[in-house]
Amino acid sequence: MICANILIISGLILGFLGSLIIAKELILTKREAANLGVPHLAANTEEENENLPLAQFFIKQSNSAIIGIILICSGFFFQLIGALIIYI
């Protein structure tokens, strides 16, 4: 019973942390938005394009979203296992 409660609480914490990580990447300051909104000339190679500010922003945002989604899914899984332990 205590194990189930620990799993449920861990699941809630992971879900909360995952949603915070995703939300953090969606909120920009005015300065960040202005910097990203300035047009930049595209580079000659794909590697140089990846170093442009907007590309860096999207790469960082994508990586954080993946981490957030993994935490949220793990949290739901822990809650499910905890609930199954209680009811089975």
PDB file of N, CA and C in Angstrom:
ATOM      1  N   MET A   1       0.821  -1.195   0.000  1.00  0.00           N
ATOM      2  CA  MET A   1       0.000   0.000   0.000  1.00  0.00           C
ATOM      3  C   MET A   1       0.865   1.258   0.000  1.00  0.00           C
ATOM      4  N   ILE A   2       1.908   1.249   0.807  1.00  0.00           N
ATOM      5  CA  ILE A   2       2.810   2.413   0.835  1.00  0.00           C
ATOM      6  C   ILE A   2       3.530   2.545  -0.500  1.00  0.00           C
ATOM      7  N   CYS A   3       3.900   1.405  -1.092  1.00  0.00           N
ATOM      8  CA  CYS A   3       4.564   1.420  -2.405  1.00  0.00           C
ATOM      9  C   CYS A   3       3.656   2.049  -3.459  1.00  0.00           C
ATOM     10  N   ALA A   4       2.390   1.731  -3.412  1.00  0.00           N
ATOM     11  CA  ALA A   4       1.443   2.293  -4.378  1.00  0.00           C
ATOM     12  C   ALA A   4       1.337   3.802  -4.199  1.00  0.00           C
ATOM     13  N   ASN A   5       1.272   4.259  -2.956  1.00  0.00           N
ATOM     14  CA  ASN A   5       1.199   5.700  -2.705  1.00  0.00           C
ATOM     15  C   ASN A   5       2.455   6.414  -3.181  1.00  0.00           C
ATOM     16  N   ILE A   6       3.601   5.797  -2.993  1.00  0.00           N
ATOM     17  CA  ILE A   6       4.864   6.393  -3.461  1.00  0.00           C
ATOM     18  C   ILE A   6       4.853   6.495  -4.982  1.00  0.00           C
ATOM     19  N   LEU A   7       4.374   5.456  -5.660  1.00  0.00           N
ATOM     20  CA  LEU A   7       4.298   5.490  -7.127  1.00  0.00           C
ATOM     21  C   LEU A   7       3.346   6.583  -7.605  1.00  0.00           C
ATOM     22  N   ILE A   8       2.215   6.716  -6.945  1.00  0.00           N
ATOM     23  CA  ILE A   8       1.243   7.732  -7.353  1.00  0.00           C
ATOM     24  C   ILE A   8       1.822   9.128  -7.141  1.00  0.00           C
ATOM     25  N   ILE A   9       2.437   9.365  -5.983  1.00  0.00           N
ATOM     26  CA  ILE A   9       3.034  10.675  -5.706  1.00  0.00           C
ATOM     27  C   ILE A   9       4.175  10.957  -6.676  1.00  0.00           C
ATOM     28  N   SER A  10       5.014   9.942  -6.949  1.00  0.00           N
ATOM     29  CA  SER A  10       6.107  10.115  -7.919  1.00  0.00           C
ATOM     30  C   SER A  10       5.557  10.445  -9.294  1.00  0.00           C
ATOM     31  N   GLY A  11       4.473   9.788  -9.670  1.00  0.00           N
ATOM     32  CA  GLY A  11       3.850  10.055 -10.964  1.00  0.00           C
ATOM     33  C   GLY A  11       3.341  11.476 -11.061  1.00  0.00           C
ATOM     34  N   LEU A  12       2.717  11.953  -9.995  1.00  0.00           N
ATOM     35  CA  LEU A  12       2.234  13.338  -9.988  1.00  0.00           C
ATOM     36  C   LEU A  12       3.380  14.328 -10.098  1.00  0.00           C
ATOM     37  N   ILE A  13       4.461  14.071  -9.380  1.00  0.00           N
ATOM     38  CA  ILE A  13       5.621  14.973  -9.422  1.00  0.00           C
ATOM     39  C   ILE A  13       6.237  14.978 -10.817  1.00  0.00           C
ATOM     40  N   LEU A  14       6.405  13.798 -11.417  1.00  0.00           N
ATOM     41  CA  LEU A  14       6.987  13.730 -12.765  1.00  0.00           C
ATOM     42  C   LEU A  14       6.100  14.427 -13.786  1.00  0.00           C
ATOM     43  N   GLY A  15       4.803  14.235 -13.680  1.00  0.00           N
ATOM     44  CA  GLY A  15       3.881  14.910 -14.585  1.00  0.00           C
ATOM     45  C   GLY A  15       3.963  16.421 -14.445  1.00  0.00           C
ATOM     46  N   PHE A  16       4.042  16.892 -13.200  1.00  0.00           N
ATOM     47  CA  PHE A  16       4.155  18.322 -12.942  1.00  0.00           C
ATOM     48  C   PHE A  16       5.456  18.879 -13.502  1.00  0.00           C
ATOM     49  N   LEU A  17       6.572  18.189 -13.255  1.00  0.00           N
ATOM     50  CA  LEU A  17       7.867  18.654 -13.773  1.00  0.00           C
ATOM     51  C   LEU A  17       7.885  18.654 -15.298  1.00  0.00           C
ATOM     52  N   GLY A  18       7.324  17.631 -15.905  1.00  0.00           N
ATOM     53  CA  GLY A  18       7.280  17.573 -17.367  1.00  0.00           C
ATOM     54  C   GLY A  18       6.485  18.714 -17.961  1.00  0.00           C
ATOM     55  N   SER A  19       5.348  19.025 -17.341  1.00  0.00           N
ATOM     56  CA  SER A  19       4.546  20.138 -17.868  1.00  0.00           C
ATOM     57  C   SER A  19       5.250  21.472 -17.655  1.00  0.00           C
ATOM     58  N   LEU A  20       5.993  21.630 -16.561  1.00  0.00           N
ATOM     59  CA  LEU A  20       6.758  22.862 -16.348  1.00  0.00           C
ATOM     60  C   LEU A  20       7.848  23.036 -17.398  1.00  0.00           C
ATOM     61  N   ILE A  21       8.534  21.955 -17.729  1.00  0.00           N
ATOM     62  CA  ILE A  21       9.601  22.027 -18.736  1.00  0.00           C
ATOM     63  C   ILE A  21       9.023  22.435 -20.086  1.00  0.00           C
ATOM     64  N   ILE A  22       7.904  21.836 -20.469  1.00  0.00           N
ATOM     65  CA  ILE A  22       7.286  22.190 -21.750  1.00  0.00           C
ATOM     66  C   ILE A  22       6.813  23.639 -21.733  1.00  0.00           C
ATOM     67  N   ALA A  23       6.170  24.055 -20.656  1.00  0.00           N
ATOM     68  CA  ALA A  23       5.657  25.429 -20.569  1.00  0.00           C
ATOM     69  C   ALA A  23       6.792  26.449 -20.571  1.00  0.00           C
ATOM     70  N   LYS A  24       7.905  26.123 -19.930  1.00  0.00           N
ATOM     71  CA  LYS A  24       9.041  27.048 -19.866  1.00  0.00           C
ATOM     72  C   LYS A  24       9.560  27.393 -21.253  1.00  0.00           C
ATOM     73  N   GLU A  25       9.524  26.433 -22.142  1.00  0.00           N
ATOM     74  CA  GLU A  25      10.024  26.667 -23.494  1.00  0.00           C
ATOM     75  C   GLU A  25       9.044  27.440 -24.360  1.00  0.00           C
ATOM     76  N   LEU A  26       7.807  27.510 -23.954  1.00  0.00           N
ATOM     77  CA  LEU A  26       6.817  28.230 -24.749  1.00  0.00           C
ATOM     78  C   LEU A  26       6.731  29.705 -24.395  1.00  0.00           C
ATOM     79  N   ILE A  27       7.295  30.092 -23.258  1.00  0.00           N
ATOM     80  CA  ILE A  27       7.202  31.473 -22.797  1.00  0.00           C
ATOM     81  C   ILE A  27       8.497  32.203 -23.142  1.00  0.00           C
ATOM     82  N   LEU A  28       8.378  33.295 -23.895  1.00  0.00           N
ATOM     83  CA  LEU A  28       9.534  34.096 -24.303  1.00  0.00           C
ATOM     84  C   LEU A  28       9.443  35.483 -23.685  1.00  0.00           C
ATOM     85  N   THR A  29      10.614  36.065 -23.400  1.00  0.00           N
ATOM     86  CA  THR A  29      10.637  37.467 -23.009  1.00  0.00           C
ATOM     87  C   THR A  29      10.520  38.307 -24.278  1.00  0.00           C
ATOM     88  N   LYS A  30      10.229  39.578 -24.112  1.00  0.00           N
ATOM     89  CA  LYS A  30      10.134  40.464 -25.277  1.00  0.00           C
ATOM     90  C   LYS A  30      11.471  40.531 -25.999  1.00  0.00           C
ATOM     91  N   ARG A  31      12.560  40.534 -25.254  1.00  0.00           N
ATOM     92  CA  ARG A  31      13.893  40.601 -25.866  1.00  0.00           C
ATOM     93  C   ARG A  31      14.182  39.345 -26.685  1.00  0.00           C
ATOM     94  N   GLU A  32      13.841  38.175 -26.145  1.00  0.00           N
ATOM     95  CA  GLU A  32      14.058  36.929 -26.888  1.00  0.00           C
ATOM     96  C   GLU A  32      13.213  36.897 -28.153  1.00  0.00           C
ATOM     97  N   ALA A  33      11.958  37.309 -28.031  1.00  0.00           N
ATOM     98  CA  ALA A  33      11.077  37.329 -29.196  1.00  0.00           C
ATOM     99  C   ALA A  33      11.591  38.291 -30.261  1.00  0.00           C
ATOM    100  N   ALA A  34      12.078  39.462 -29.840  1.00  0.00           N
ATOM    101  CA  ALA A  34      12.608  40.433 -30.802  1.00  0.00           C
ATOM    102  C   ALA A  34      13.862  39.895 -31.475  1.00  0.00           C
ATOM    103  N   ASN A  35      14.723  39.241 -30.712  1.00  0.00           N
ATOM    104  CA  ASN A  35      15.957  38.678 -31.274  1.00  0.00           C
ATOM    105  C   ASN A  35      15.649  37.575 -32.275  1.00  0.00           C
ATOM    106  N   LEU A  36      14.685  36.725 -31.947  1.00  0.00           N
ATOM    107  CA  LEU A  36      14.331  35.633 -32.851  1.00  0.00           C
ATOM    108  C   LEU A  36      13.565  36.125 -34.071  1.00  0.00           C
ATOM    109  N   GLY A  37      12.848  37.222 -33.924  1.00  0.00           N
ATOM    110  CA  GLY A  37      12.041  37.737 -35.017  1.00  0.00           C
ATOM    111  C   GLY A  37      12.812  38.521 -36.057  1.00  0.00           C
ATOM    112  N   VAL A  38      14.063  38.846 -35.757  1.00  0.00           N
ATOM    113  CA  VAL A  38      14.875  39.598 -36.715  1.00  0.00           C
ATOM    114  C   VAL A  38      15.285  38.661 -37.848  1.00  0.00           C
ATOM    115  N   PRO A  39      15.084  39.069 -39.093  1.00  0.00           N
ATOM    116  CA  PRO A  39      15.467  38.188 -40.198  1.00  0.00           C
ATOM    117  C   PRO A  39      16.982  37.995 -40.266  1.00  0.00           C
ATOM    118  N   HIS A  40      17.383  36.793 -40.485  1.00  0.00           N
ATOM    119  CA  HIS A  40      18.791  36.444 -40.646  1.00  0.00           C
ATOM    120  C   HIS A  40      18.964  35.822 -42.028  1.00  0.00           C
ATOM    121  N   LEU A  41      20.050  36.136 -42.647  1.00  0.00           N
ATOM    122  CA  LEU A  41      20.330  35.535 -43.949  1.00  0.00           C
ATOM    123  C   LEU A  41      20.713  34.080 -43.759  1.00  0.00           C
ATOM    124  N   ALA A  42      20.211  33.236 -44.594  1.00  0.00           N
ATOM    125  CA  ALA A  42      20.535  31.815 -44.506  1.00  0.00           C
ATOM    126  C   ALA A  42      21.981  31.592 -44.924  1.00  0.00           C
ATOM    127  N   ALA A  43      22.587  30.605 -44.311  1.00  0.00           N
ATOM    128  CA  ALA A  43      23.984  30.284 -44.600  1.00  0.00           C
ATOM    129  C   ALA A  43      24.060  29.328 -45.795  1.00  0.00           C
ATOM    130  N   ASN A  44      25.277  29.060 -46.196  1.00  0.00           N
ATOM    131  CA  ASN A  44      25.495  28.203 -47.366  1.00  0.00           C
ATOM    132  C   ASN A  44      25.328  26.721 -47.059  1.00  0.00           C
ATOM    133  N   THR A  45      25.613  26.314 -45.829  1.00  0.00           N
ATOM    134  CA  THR A  45      25.543  24.894 -45.484  1.00  0.00           C
ATOM    135  C   THR A  45      24.492  24.671 -44.399  1.00  0.00           C
ATOM    136  N   GLU A  46      24.086  23.430 -44.281  1.00  0.00           N
ATOM    137  CA  GLU A  46      23.088  23.070 -43.272  1.00  0.00           C
ATOM    138  C   GLU A  46      23.639  23.269 -41.858  1.00  0.00           C
ATOM    139  N   GLU A  47      24.932  22.981 -41.673  1.00  0.00           N
ATOM    140  CA  GLU A  47      25.547  23.153 -40.353  1.00  0.00           C
ATOM    141  C   GLU A  47      25.539  24.622 -39.938  1.00  0.00           C
ATOM    142  N   GLU A  48      25.790  25.514 -40.876  1.00  0.00           N
ATOM    143  CA  GLU A  48      25.763  26.945 -40.565  1.00  0.00           C
ATOM    144  C   GLU A  48      24.335  27.403 -40.287  1.00  0.00           C
ATOM    145  N   ASN A  49      23.366  26.845 -41.000  1.00  0.00           N
ATOM    146  CA  ASN A  49      21.958  27.181 -40.748  1.00  0.00           C
ATOM    147  C   ASN A  49      21.535  26.777 -39.340  1.00  0.00           C
ATOM    148  N   GLU A  50      22.064  25.647 -38.859  1.00  0.00           N
ATOM    149  CA  GLU A  50      21.715  25.183 -37.518  1.00  0.00           C
ATOM    150  C   GLU A  50      22.234  26.118 -36.435  1.00  0.00           C
ATOM    151  N   ASN A  51      23.218  26.943 -36.749  1.00  0.00           N
ATOM    152  CA  ASN A  51      23.776  27.871 -35.762  1.00  0.00           C
ATOM    153  C   ASN A  51      23.051  29.214 -35.734  1.00  0.00           C
ATOM    154  N   LEU A  52      22.096  29.425 -36.624  1.00  0.00           N
ATOM    155  CA  LEU A  52      21.325  30.663 -36.605  1.00  0.00           C
ATOM    156  C   LEU A  52      20.436  30.686 -35.362  1.00  0.00           C
ATOM    157  N   PRO A  53      20.162  31.881 -34.813  1.00  0.00           N
ATOM    158  CA  PRO A  53      19.397  31.970 -33.556  1.00  0.00           C
ATOM    159  C   PRO A  53      18.046  31.261 -33.583  1.00  0.00           C
ATOM    160  N   LEU A  54      17.299  31.414 -34.654  1.00  0.00           N
ATOM    161  CA  LEU A  54      15.980  30.790 -34.702  1.00  0.00           C
ATOM    162  C   LEU A  54      16.096  29.269 -34.732  1.00  0.00           C
ATOM    163  N   ALA A  55      17.057  28.758 -35.474  1.00  0.00           N
ATOM    164  CA  ALA A  55      17.262  27.309 -35.525  1.00  0.00           C
ATOM    165  C   ALA A  55      17.682  26.786 -34.157  1.00  0.00           C
ATOM    166  N   GLN A  56      18.577  27.501 -33.470  1.00  0.00           N
ATOM    167  CA  GLN A  56      19.001  27.100 -32.131  1.00  0.00           C
ATOM    168  C   GLN A  56      17.820  27.086 -31.164  1.00  0.00           C
ATOM    169  N   PHE A  57      16.959  28.095 -31.289  1.00  0.00           N
ATOM    170  CA  PHE A  57      15.784  28.165 -30.434  1.00  0.00           C
ATOM    171  C   PHE A  57      14.880  26.953 -30.654  1.00  0.00           C
ATOM    172  N   PHE A  58      14.624  26.617 -31.907  1.00  0.00           N
ATOM    173  CA  PHE A  58      13.749  25.478 -32.198  1.00  0.00           C
ATOM    174  C   PHE A  58      14.369  24.159 -31.759  1.00  0.00           C
ATOM    175  N   ILE A  59      15.679  24.024 -31.904  1.00  0.00           N
ATOM    176  CA  ILE A  59      16.354  22.802 -31.466  1.00  0.00           C
ATOM    177  C   ILE A  59      16.236  22.661 -29.951  1.00  0.00           C
ATOM    178  N   LYS A  60      16.494  23.753 -29.223  1.00  0.00           N
ATOM    179  CA  LYS A  60      16.391  23.729 -27.759  1.00  0.00           C
ATOM    180  C   LYS A  60      14.953  23.446 -27.334  1.00  0.00           C
ATOM    181  N   GLN A  61      14.012  24.073 -27.996  1.00  0.00           N
ATOM    182  CA  GLN A  61      12.598  23.890 -27.673  1.00  0.00           C
ATOM    183  C   GLN A  61      12.179  22.437 -27.913  1.00  0.00           C
ATOM    184  N   SER A  62      12.640  21.866 -29.001  1.00  0.00           N
ATOM    185  CA  SER A  62      12.303  20.488 -29.329  1.00  0.00           C
ATOM    186  C   SER A  62      12.887  19.516 -28.302  1.00  0.00           C
ATOM    187  N   ASN A  63      14.137  19.722 -27.925  1.00  0.00           N
ATOM    188  CA  ASN A  63      14.778  18.844 -26.941  1.00  0.00           C
ATOM    189  C   ASN A  63      14.069  18.928 -25.596  1.00  0.00           C
ATOM    190  N   SER A  64      13.711  20.133 -25.178  1.00  0.00           N
ATOM    191  CA  SER A  64      13.004  20.296 -23.908  1.00  0.00           C
ATOM    192  C   SER A  64      11.622  19.662 -23.970  1.00  0.00           C
ATOM    193  N   ALA A  65      10.957  19.776 -25.101  1.00  0.00           N
ATOM    194  CA  ALA A  65       9.634  19.170 -25.250  1.00  0.00           C
ATOM    195  C   ALA A  65       9.724  17.653 -25.143  1.00  0.00           C
ATOM    196  N   ILE A  66      10.749  17.067 -25.711  1.00  0.00           N
ATOM    197  CA  ILE A  66      10.930  15.613 -25.626  1.00  0.00           C
ATOM    198  C   ILE A  66      11.113  15.191 -24.176  1.00  0.00           C
ATOM    199  N   ILE A  67      11.947  15.921 -23.438  1.00  0.00           N
ATOM    200  CA  ILE A  67      12.168  15.605 -22.019  1.00  0.00           C
ATOM    201  C   ILE A  67      10.862  15.756 -21.240  1.00  0.00           C
ATOM    202  N   GLY A  68      10.141  16.838 -21.504  1.00  0.00           N
ATOM    203  CA  GLY A  68       8.877  17.054 -20.814  1.00  0.00           C
ATOM    204  C   GLY A  68       7.867  15.960 -21.091  1.00  0.00           C
ATOM    205  N   ILE A  69       7.766  15.548 -22.342  1.00  0.00           N
ATOM    206  CA  ILE A  69       6.815  14.494 -22.705  1.00  0.00           C
ATOM    207  C   ILE A  69       7.197  13.172 -22.045  1.00  0.00           C
ATOM    208  N   ILE A  70       8.484  12.874 -21.991  1.00  0.00           N
ATOM    209  CA  ILE A  70       8.937  11.642 -21.326  1.00  0.00           C
ATOM    210  C   ILE A  70       8.571  11.678 -19.845  1.00  0.00           C
ATOM    211  N   LEU A  71       8.783  12.828 -19.188  1.00  0.00           N
ATOM    212  CA  LEU A  71       8.437  12.934 -17.774  1.00  0.00           C
ATOM    213  C   LEU A  71       6.934  12.801 -17.556  1.00  0.00           C
ATOM    214  N   ILE A  72       6.139  13.440 -18.389  1.00  0.00           N
ATOM    215  CA  ILE A  72       4.682  13.347 -18.246  1.00  0.00           C
ATOM    216  C   ILE A  72       4.213  11.909 -18.452  1.00  0.00           C
ATOM    217  N   CYS A  73       4.715  11.241 -19.486  1.00  0.00           N
ATOM    218  CA  CYS A  73       4.324   9.849 -19.735  1.00  0.00           C
ATOM    219  C   CYS A  73       4.769   8.940 -18.587  1.00  0.00           C
ATOM    220  N   SER A  74       5.976   9.156 -18.067  1.00  0.00           N
ATOM    221  CA  SER A  74       6.452   8.373 -16.925  1.00  0.00           C
ATOM    222  C   SER A  74       5.567   8.611 -15.716  1.00  0.00           C
ATOM    223  N   GLY A  75       5.191   9.860 -15.496  1.00  0.00           N
ATOM    224  CA  GLY A  75       4.316  10.186 -14.377  1.00  0.00           C
ATOM    225  C   GLY A  75       2.981   9.493 -14.465  1.00  0.00           C
ATOM    226  N   PHE A  76       2.364   9.510 -15.643  1.00  0.00           N
ATOM    227  CA  PHE A  76       1.084   8.817 -15.820  1.00  0.00           C
ATOM    228  C   PHE A  76       1.241   7.309 -15.624  1.00  0.00           C
ATOM    229  N   PHE A  77       2.365   6.763 -16.092  1.00  0.00           N
ATOM    230  CA  PHE A  77       2.616   5.335 -15.935  1.00  0.00           C
ATOM    231  C   PHE A  77       2.740   4.977 -14.458  1.00  0.00           C
ATOM    232  N   PHE A  78       3.498   5.770 -13.689  1.00  0.00           N
ATOM    233  CA  PHE A  78       3.640   5.508 -12.253  1.00  0.00           C
ATOM    234  C   PHE A  78       2.292   5.604 -11.542  1.00  0.00           C
ATOM    235  N   GLN A  79       1.478   6.587 -11.916  1.00  0.00           N
ATOM    236  CA  GLN A  79       0.160   6.707 -11.304  1.00  0.00           C
ATOM    237  C   GLN A  79      -0.707   5.497 -11.633  1.00  0.00           C
ATOM    238  N   LEU A  80      -0.626   5.031 -12.857  1.00  0.00           N
ATOM    239  CA  LEU A  80      -1.399   3.865 -13.269  1.00  0.00           C
ATOM    240  C   LEU A  80      -0.975   2.631 -12.485  1.00  0.00           C
ATOM    241  N   ILE A  81       0.318   2.392 -12.381  1.00  0.00           N
ATOM    242  CA  ILE A  81       0.822   1.236 -11.638  1.00  0.00           C
ATOM    243  C   ILE A  81       0.414   1.339 -10.175  1.00  0.00           C
ATOM    244  N   GLY A  82       0.542   2.542  -9.591  1.00  0.00           N
ATOM    245  CA  GLY A  82       0.154   2.733  -8.197  1.00  0.00           C
ATOM    246  C   GLY A  82      -1.324   2.455  -7.982  1.00  0.00           C
ATOM    247  N   ALA A  83      -2.156   2.923  -8.901  1.00  0.00           N
ATOM    248  CA  ALA A  83      -3.593   2.691  -8.781  1.00  0.00           C
ATOM    249  C   ALA A  83      -3.924   1.213  -8.945  1.00  0.00           C
ATOM    250  N   LEU A  84      -3.244   0.543  -9.855  1.00  0.00           N
ATOM    251  CA  LEU A  84      -3.493  -0.892 -10.061  1.00  0.00           C
ATOM    252  C   LEU A  84      -3.089  -1.686  -8.816  1.00  0.00           C
ATOM    253  N   ILE A  85      -2.022  -1.292  -8.154  1.00  0.00           N
ATOM    254  CA  ILE A  85      -1.593  -1.979  -6.934  1.00  0.00           C
ATOM    255  C   ILE A  85      -2.665  -1.860  -5.854  1.00  0.00           C
ATOM    256  N   ILE A  86      -3.265  -0.684  -5.757  1.00  0.00           N
ATOM    257  CA  ILE A  86      -4.297  -0.454  -4.747  1.00  0.00           C
ATOM    258  C   ILE A  86      -5.536  -1.285  -5.029  1.00  0.00           C
ATOM    259  N   TYR A  87      -5.961  -1.321  -6.282  1.00  0.00           N
ATOM    260  CA  TYR A  87      -7.247  -1.926  -6.617  1.00  0.00           C
ATOM    261  C   TYR A  87      -7.174  -3.400  -6.983  1.00  0.00           C
ATOM    262  N   ILE A  88      -5.987  -3.949  -7.110  1.00  0.00           N
ATOM    263  CA  ILE A  88      -5.879  -5.379  -7.477  1.00  0.00           C
ATOM    264  C   ILE A  88      -5.468  -6.191  -6.273  1.00  0.00           C
TER     265      ILE A  88
END
